[in-house]
């Protein structure tokens, strides 16, 4: 066999052995674990604050939209049927009458269980979100 064209293999000149990891060297230190736990707890805290703030804003915006829809429907109903009343001051608005006569497509509702009422200025208000629009009764 010709050694000039023979297959050669590489053999290292020195062999270093790596020592195995001891149990005291493996894993994370308690500083690192505490830092990660504090980060996760802080993230959960901030995310929960944001969630509840967004939820309150969505409920308020939804109620405001429902009040505007009801106000528009009442104006249209009064223009068509001036002799018939949809609601009296400080009483719940008759949403069934507005839906049945097709001035509203659905029954609007306040997600915080407020009721829609009219004040003496014919403004629709919610007993939960905008109770300040209710007029004080003089006795």
N, C-alpha and C. Protein backbone atom coordinates (compact mmCIF):
# COMPACT_ATOMS: atom_id res chain seq x y z
N UNK A 1 0.84 -1.17 0.00
CA UNK A 1 0.00 0.00 0.00
C UNK A 1 0.89 1.24 0.00
N UNK A 2 0.44 2.19 -0.77
CA UNK A 2 1.20 3.42 -0.90
C UNK A 2 0.80 4.36 0.23
N UNK A 3 1.74 4.78 1.04
CA UNK A 3 1.45 5.64 2.19
C UNK A 3 1.23 7.08 1.78
N UNK A 4 1.64 7.41 0.59
CA UNK A 4 1.48 8.77 0.14
C UNK A 4 0.00 9.10 -0.08
N UNK A 5 -0.80 8.17 -0.57
CA UNK A 5 -2.22 8.41 -0.85
C UNK A 5 -3.13 7.71 0.14
N UNK A 6 -2.64 7.25 1.19
CA UNK A 6 -3.45 6.54 2.18
C UNK A 6 -4.29 7.53 2.97
N UNK A 7 -5.37 7.03 3.52
CA UNK A 7 -6.29 7.85 4.30
C UNK A 7 -5.66 8.16 5.65
N UNK A 8 -5.66 9.40 5.99
CA UNK A 8 -5.07 9.79 7.25
C UNK A 8 -6.16 10.22 8.22
N UNK A 9 -5.95 9.98 9.50
CA UNK A 9 -6.87 10.41 10.55
C UNK A 9 -6.13 11.31 11.50
N UNK A 10 -6.90 12.21 12.08
CA UNK A 10 -6.30 13.16 13.00
C UNK A 10 -6.38 12.60 14.41
N UNK A 11 -5.28 12.64 15.07
CA UNK A 11 -5.26 12.27 16.48
C UNK A 11 -4.63 13.41 17.25
N UNK A 12 -5.35 13.90 18.26
CA UNK A 12 -4.80 15.03 19.02
C UNK A 12 -3.55 14.60 19.78
N UNK A 13 -2.67 15.56 20.00
CA UNK A 13 -1.43 15.26 20.68
C UNK A 13 -1.64 15.12 22.17
N UNK A 14 -2.55 15.93 22.73
CA UNK A 14 -2.83 15.81 24.16
C UNK A 14 -4.32 15.65 24.35
N UNK A 15 -4.71 14.98 25.33
CA UNK A 15 -6.12 14.78 25.64
C UNK A 15 -6.40 15.44 26.98
N UNK A 16 -7.37 16.39 26.99
CA UNK A 16 -7.78 17.04 28.24
C UNK A 16 -9.11 16.43 28.66
N UNK A 17 -9.20 16.12 29.89
CA UNK A 17 -10.43 15.58 30.42
C UNK A 17 -11.17 16.70 31.15
N UNK A 18 -12.45 16.80 30.90
CA UNK A 18 -13.26 17.82 31.56
C UNK A 18 -13.89 17.17 32.77
N UNK A 19 -13.78 17.86 33.88
CA UNK A 19 -14.36 17.29 35.10
C UNK A 19 -15.87 17.44 35.06
N UNK A 20 -16.56 16.52 35.66
CA UNK A 20 -18.02 16.57 35.68
C UNK A 20 -18.48 17.68 36.63
N UNK A 21 -19.70 18.15 36.39
CA UNK A 21 -20.24 19.25 37.18
C UNK A 21 -20.70 18.68 38.52
N UNK A 22 -20.29 19.34 39.57
CA UNK A 22 -20.72 18.91 40.90
C UNK A 22 -22.09 19.50 41.19
N UNK A 23 -22.84 18.91 42.11
CA UNK A 23 -24.19 19.41 42.40
C UNK A 23 -24.20 20.86 42.88
N UNK A 24 -23.15 21.33 43.52
CA UNK A 24 -23.13 22.71 43.99
C UNK A 24 -22.94 23.70 42.84
N UNK A 25 -22.45 23.24 41.71
CA UNK A 25 -22.23 24.12 40.57
C UNK A 25 -23.40 24.11 39.58
N UNK A 26 -24.30 23.18 39.68
CA UNK A 26 -25.38 23.08 38.69
C UNK A 26 -26.56 23.96 39.10
N UNK A 27 -27.39 24.35 38.13
CA UNK A 27 -28.60 25.12 38.39
C UNK A 27 -28.31 26.60 38.53
N UNK A 28 -29.29 27.29 39.11
CA UNK A 28 -29.20 28.73 39.26
C UNK A 28 -29.03 29.08 40.74
N UNK A 29 -28.46 30.22 40.97
CA UNK A 29 -28.31 30.68 42.34
C UNK A 29 -29.65 31.22 42.83
N UNK A 30 -29.81 31.36 44.12
CA UNK A 30 -31.07 31.86 44.66
C UNK A 30 -31.29 33.32 44.29
N UNK A 31 -30.21 34.05 44.00
CA UNK A 31 -30.34 35.43 43.53
C UNK A 31 -31.05 35.47 42.18
N UNK A 32 -30.63 34.59 41.30
CA UNK A 32 -31.23 34.56 39.97
C UNK A 32 -32.69 34.11 40.03
N UNK A 33 -32.97 33.11 40.83
CA UNK A 33 -34.35 32.62 40.96
C UNK A 33 -35.24 33.71 41.56
N UNK A 34 -34.74 34.41 42.58
CA UNK A 34 -35.51 35.49 43.19
C UNK A 34 -35.76 36.62 42.20
N UNK A 35 -34.76 36.96 41.42
CA UNK A 35 -34.92 38.03 40.43
C UNK A 35 -35.97 37.67 39.40
N UNK A 36 -35.96 36.44 38.93
CA UNK A 36 -36.95 36.00 37.94
C UNK A 36 -38.35 36.00 38.56
N UNK A 37 -38.46 35.53 39.80
CA UNK A 37 -39.77 35.50 40.47
C UNK A 37 -40.30 36.92 40.68
N UNK A 38 -39.44 37.86 41.06
CA UNK A 38 -39.88 39.24 41.22
C UNK A 38 -40.31 39.85 39.90
N UNK A 39 -39.59 39.54 38.84
CA UNK A 39 -39.96 40.02 37.52
C UNK A 39 -41.33 39.49 37.11
N UNK A 40 -41.55 38.20 37.30
CA UNK A 40 -42.84 37.60 36.92
C UNK A 40 -43.97 38.18 37.76
N UNK A 41 -43.75 38.34 39.07
CA UNK A 41 -44.78 38.92 39.93
C UNK A 41 -45.08 40.36 39.52
N UNK A 42 -44.06 41.13 39.20
CA UNK A 42 -44.28 42.51 38.75
C UNK A 42 -45.03 42.56 37.44
N UNK A 43 -44.71 41.69 36.54
CA UNK A 43 -45.40 41.63 35.25
C UNK A 43 -46.88 41.30 35.45
N UNK A 44 -47.17 40.32 36.29
CA UNK A 44 -48.56 39.94 36.55
C UNK A 44 -49.32 41.10 37.20
N UNK A 45 -48.68 41.80 38.12
CA UNK A 45 -49.32 42.94 38.79
C UNK A 45 -49.67 44.04 37.79
N UNK A 46 -48.72 44.43 36.97
CA UNK A 46 -48.96 45.49 35.99
C UNK A 46 -50.00 45.06 34.95
N UNK A 47 -49.93 43.82 34.52
CA UNK A 47 -50.90 43.33 33.53
C UNK A 47 -52.31 43.31 34.11
N UNK A 48 -52.45 42.93 35.38
CA UNK A 48 -53.79 42.90 35.98
C UNK A 48 -54.34 44.31 36.15
N UNK A 49 -53.48 45.27 36.51
CA UNK A 49 -53.95 46.66 36.59
C UNK A 49 -54.44 47.16 35.24
N UNK A 50 -53.68 46.86 34.20
CA UNK A 50 -54.08 47.28 32.86
C UNK A 50 -55.38 46.61 32.43
N UNK A 51 -55.53 45.34 32.76
CA UNK A 51 -56.75 44.61 32.38
C UNK A 51 -57.98 45.24 33.00
N UNK A 52 -57.93 45.52 34.30
CA UNK A 52 -59.10 46.06 34.97
C UNK A 52 -59.38 47.50 34.53
N UNK A 53 -58.36 48.26 34.21
CA UNK A 53 -58.56 49.61 33.69
C UNK A 53 -59.23 49.56 32.33
N UNK A 54 -58.76 48.68 31.48
CA UNK A 54 -59.34 48.53 30.14
C UNK A 54 -60.78 48.04 30.24
N UNK A 55 -61.04 47.11 31.15
CA UNK A 55 -62.39 46.58 31.31
C UNK A 55 -63.36 47.68 31.74
N UNK A 56 -62.94 48.55 32.68
CA UNK A 56 -63.79 49.66 33.11
C UNK A 56 -64.03 50.64 31.96
N UNK A 57 -63.00 50.92 31.18
CA UNK A 57 -63.16 51.85 30.05
C UNK A 57 -64.09 51.29 29.00
N UNK A 58 -63.99 49.99 28.74
CA UNK A 58 -64.86 49.37 27.73
C UNK A 58 -66.32 49.43 28.19
N UNK A 59 -66.56 49.18 29.48
CA UNK A 59 -67.93 49.25 30.00
C UNK A 59 -68.48 50.66 29.89
N UNK A 60 -67.65 51.68 30.19
CA UNK A 60 -68.11 53.07 30.12
C UNK A 60 -68.38 53.47 28.67
N UNK A 61 -67.48 53.11 27.76
CA UNK A 61 -67.66 53.46 26.34
C UNK A 61 -68.88 52.76 25.76
N UNK A 62 -69.09 51.51 26.13
CA UNK A 62 -70.26 50.77 25.66
C UNK A 62 -71.54 51.42 26.16
N UNK A 63 -71.55 51.83 27.42
CA UNK A 63 -72.73 52.48 27.99
C UNK A 63 -72.98 53.82 27.30
N UNK A 64 -71.92 54.58 27.04
CA UNK A 64 -72.07 55.87 26.37
C UNK A 64 -72.65 55.69 24.97
N UNK A 65 -72.19 54.66 24.27
CA UNK A 65 -72.71 54.38 22.93
C UNK A 65 -74.19 53.99 23.01
N UNK A 66 -74.55 53.19 24.00
CA UNK A 66 -75.96 52.80 24.16
C UNK A 66 -76.83 54.01 24.48
N UNK A 67 -76.33 54.92 25.32
CA UNK A 67 -77.09 56.15 25.64
C UNK A 67 -77.30 57.00 24.40
N UNK A 68 -76.28 57.10 23.55
CA UNK A 68 -76.42 57.89 22.32
C UNK A 68 -77.42 57.25 21.37
N UNK A 69 -77.39 55.93 21.27
CA UNK A 69 -78.34 55.23 20.40
C UNK A 69 -79.77 55.42 20.90
N UNK A 70 -79.94 55.32 22.21
CA UNK A 70 -81.28 55.50 22.79
C UNK A 70 -81.75 56.94 22.58
N UNK A 71 -80.87 57.89 22.77
CA UNK A 71 -81.23 59.29 22.59
C UNK A 71 -81.67 59.56 21.15
N UNK A 72 -80.94 59.02 20.20
CA UNK A 72 -81.30 59.18 18.79
C UNK A 72 -82.64 58.52 18.49
N UNK A 73 -82.85 57.33 19.03
CA UNK A 73 -84.11 56.61 18.81
C UNK A 73 -85.28 57.37 19.41
N UNK A 74 -85.10 57.95 20.59
CA UNK A 74 -86.18 58.71 21.22
C UNK A 74 -86.51 59.95 20.39
N UNK A 75 -85.49 60.63 19.89
CA UNK A 75 -85.72 61.82 19.06
C UNK A 75 -86.51 61.46 17.80
N UNK A 76 -86.14 60.36 17.16
CA UNK A 76 -86.86 59.93 15.96
C UNK A 76 -88.28 59.49 16.29
N UNK A 77 -88.44 58.80 17.41
CA UNK A 77 -89.77 58.35 17.81
C UNK A 77 -90.68 59.55 18.11
N UNK A 78 -90.13 60.55 18.82
CA UNK A 78 -90.93 61.73 19.13
C UNK A 78 -91.28 62.52 17.87
N UNK A 79 -90.41 62.51 16.88
CA UNK A 79 -90.72 63.21 15.62
C UNK A 79 -91.87 62.52 14.89
N UNK A 80 -91.91 61.20 14.97
CA UNK A 80 -92.97 60.46 14.26
C UNK A 80 -94.26 60.36 15.08
N UNK A 81 -94.14 60.18 16.38
CA UNK A 81 -95.30 60.00 17.25
C UNK A 81 -95.22 61.01 18.39
N UNK A 82 -95.62 62.23 18.11
CA UNK A 82 -95.48 63.28 19.12
C UNK A 82 -96.44 63.10 20.29
N UNK A 83 -97.55 62.41 20.08
CA UNK A 83 -98.53 62.25 21.16
C UNK A 83 -98.18 61.10 22.10
N UNK A 84 -97.37 60.16 21.66
CA UNK A 84 -97.04 58.99 22.47
C UNK A 84 -95.69 59.20 23.16
N UNK A 85 -95.62 58.83 24.42
CA UNK A 85 -94.39 59.02 25.21
C UNK A 85 -93.64 57.69 25.33
N UNK A 86 -92.34 57.79 25.28
CA UNK A 86 -91.49 56.61 25.44
C UNK A 86 -91.12 56.45 26.91
N UNK A 87 -90.98 57.58 27.59
CA UNK A 87 -90.59 57.54 29.00
C UNK A 87 -91.01 58.82 29.68
N UNK A 88 -91.11 58.75 30.99
CA UNK A 88 -91.36 59.92 31.81
C UNK A 88 -90.09 60.24 32.55
N UNK A 89 -90.01 61.46 33.05
CA UNK A 89 -88.80 61.90 33.74
C UNK A 89 -88.51 60.99 34.93
N UNK A 90 -87.25 60.55 35.02
CA UNK A 90 -86.72 59.70 36.08
C UNK A 90 -87.34 58.30 36.13
N UNK A 91 -87.98 57.88 35.07
CA UNK A 91 -88.49 56.52 34.97
C UNK A 91 -87.68 55.77 33.93
N UNK A 92 -87.65 54.46 34.03
CA UNK A 92 -86.92 53.66 33.04
C UNK A 92 -87.51 53.89 31.64
N UNK A 93 -86.65 53.94 30.67
CA UNK A 93 -87.08 54.14 29.28
C UNK A 93 -87.68 52.84 28.77
N UNK A 94 -88.77 52.96 28.03
CA UNK A 94 -89.44 51.78 27.48
C UNK A 94 -88.69 51.33 26.22
N UNK A 95 -87.64 50.54 26.44
CA UNK A 95 -86.82 50.07 25.32
C UNK A 95 -87.59 49.11 24.43
N UNK A 96 -88.53 48.38 25.01
CA UNK A 96 -89.32 47.43 24.23
C UNK A 96 -90.12 48.15 23.14
N UNK A 97 -90.68 49.31 23.50
CA UNK A 97 -91.45 50.09 22.52
C UNK A 97 -90.54 50.56 21.38
N UNK A 98 -89.32 50.98 21.72
CA UNK A 98 -88.39 51.46 20.68
C UNK A 98 -87.90 50.31 19.79
N UNK A 99 -87.69 49.15 20.36
CA UNK A 99 -87.24 48.00 19.57
C UNK A 99 -88.38 47.47 18.70
N UNK A 100 -89.58 47.37 19.29
CA UNK A 100 -90.73 46.87 18.52
C UNK A 100 -91.08 47.78 17.35
N UNK A 101 -90.90 49.07 17.53
CA UNK A 101 -91.22 49.99 16.45
C UNK A 101 -90.02 50.24 15.53
N UNK A 102 -88.97 49.45 15.71
CA UNK A 102 -87.79 49.43 14.84
C UNK A 102 -86.94 50.71 14.89
N UNK A 103 -87.02 51.45 15.98
CA UNK A 103 -86.13 52.60 16.16
C UNK A 103 -84.80 52.16 16.76
N UNK A 104 -84.80 51.02 17.41
CA UNK A 104 -83.57 50.37 17.89
C UNK A 104 -83.54 48.95 17.34
N UNK A 105 -82.36 48.48 17.00
CA UNK A 105 -82.23 47.12 16.47
C UNK A 105 -82.10 46.08 17.57
N UNK A 106 -81.66 46.49 18.72
CA UNK A 106 -81.43 45.56 19.83
C UNK A 106 -81.71 46.29 21.14
N UNK A 107 -81.77 45.54 22.21
CA UNK A 107 -81.96 46.12 23.54
C UNK A 107 -80.60 46.55 24.08
N UNK A 108 -80.31 47.83 24.07
CA UNK A 108 -79.03 48.26 24.63
C UNK A 108 -79.03 48.07 26.14
N UNK A 109 -77.84 47.79 26.67
CA UNK A 109 -77.77 47.60 28.11
C UNK A 109 -76.45 48.13 28.63
N UNK A 110 -76.46 48.44 29.90
CA UNK A 110 -75.25 48.86 30.58
C UNK A 110 -74.63 47.60 31.19
N UNK A 111 -73.35 47.37 30.94
CA UNK A 111 -72.69 46.16 31.42
C UNK A 111 -72.47 46.18 32.92
N UNK A 112 -72.69 47.33 33.54
CA UNK A 112 -72.54 47.43 34.99
C UNK A 112 -73.91 47.45 35.67
N UNK A 113 -74.92 46.97 34.99
CA UNK A 113 -76.30 46.86 35.50
C UNK A 113 -76.93 48.21 35.84
N UNK A 114 -76.60 49.22 35.09
CA UNK A 114 -77.28 50.51 35.25
C UNK A 114 -78.55 50.53 34.42
N UNK A 115 -79.47 51.41 34.77
CA UNK A 115 -80.72 51.58 34.03
C UNK A 115 -80.67 52.89 33.27
N UNK A 116 -81.30 52.92 32.12
CA UNK A 116 -81.36 54.14 31.32
C UNK A 116 -82.63 54.89 31.65
N UNK A 117 -82.48 56.20 31.94
CA UNK A 117 -83.61 57.03 32.28
C UNK A 117 -83.46 58.38 31.60
N UNK A 118 -84.54 59.15 31.59
CA UNK A 118 -84.53 60.51 31.04
C UNK A 118 -84.57 61.51 32.19
N UNK A 119 -83.86 62.62 32.01
CA UNK A 119 -84.00 63.70 32.99
C UNK A 119 -84.96 64.74 32.42
N UNK A 120 -85.15 65.84 33.13
CA UNK A 120 -86.13 66.85 32.69
C UNK A 120 -85.69 67.59 31.43
N UNK A 121 -84.42 67.48 31.05
CA UNK A 121 -83.92 68.11 29.82
C UNK A 121 -83.91 67.14 28.64
N UNK A 122 -84.59 66.03 28.78
CA UNK A 122 -84.66 64.96 27.77
C UNK A 122 -83.29 64.39 27.42
N UNK A 123 -82.41 64.31 28.40
CA UNK A 123 -81.11 63.67 28.22
C UNK A 123 -81.18 62.27 28.80
N UNK A 124 -80.64 61.33 28.08
CA UNK A 124 -80.59 59.95 28.57
C UNK A 124 -79.39 59.82 29.49
N UNK A 125 -79.61 59.23 30.65
CA UNK A 125 -78.51 58.99 31.57
C UNK A 125 -78.57 57.58 32.11
N UNK A 126 -77.44 57.12 32.58
CA UNK A 126 -77.32 55.78 33.15
C UNK A 126 -77.23 55.93 34.67
N UNK A 127 -77.95 55.11 35.40
CA UNK A 127 -77.94 55.23 36.85
C UNK A 127 -76.60 54.80 37.45
N UNK A 128 -75.78 54.09 36.68
CA UNK A 128 -74.47 53.67 37.19
C UNK A 128 -73.36 54.62 36.73
N UNK A 129 -73.30 54.93 35.44
CA UNK A 129 -72.19 55.70 34.90
C UNK A 129 -72.39 57.21 34.97
N UNK A 130 -73.59 57.69 34.78
CA UNK A 130 -73.82 59.14 34.76
C UNK A 130 -74.99 59.53 35.67
N UNK A 131 -74.94 59.17 36.95
CA UNK A 131 -76.05 59.56 37.83
C UNK A 131 -76.09 61.07 38.09
N UNK A 132 -75.00 61.77 37.79
CA UNK A 132 -74.97 63.22 38.01
C UNK A 132 -75.91 63.96 37.07
N UNK A 133 -76.37 63.32 35.99
CA UNK A 133 -77.32 63.96 35.07
C UNK A 133 -78.75 63.93 35.59
N UNK A 134 -79.00 63.17 36.63
CA UNK A 134 -80.33 63.11 37.19
C UNK A 134 -80.60 64.43 37.93
N UNK A 135 -81.76 65.00 37.70
CA UNK A 135 -82.11 66.26 38.36
C UNK A 135 -82.54 65.99 39.80
N UNK A 136 -82.25 66.91 40.66
CA UNK A 136 -82.71 66.78 42.04
C UNK A 136 -84.19 67.16 42.10
N UNK A 137 -84.96 66.38 42.80
CA UNK A 137 -86.39 66.63 42.92
C UNK A 137 -86.61 67.65 44.04
N UNK A 138 -87.29 68.71 43.73
CA UNK A 138 -87.59 69.74 44.73
C UNK A 138 -88.93 69.42 45.37
N UNK A 139 -88.92 69.31 46.69
CA UNK A 139 -90.18 68.99 47.38
C UNK A 139 -90.56 70.10 48.32
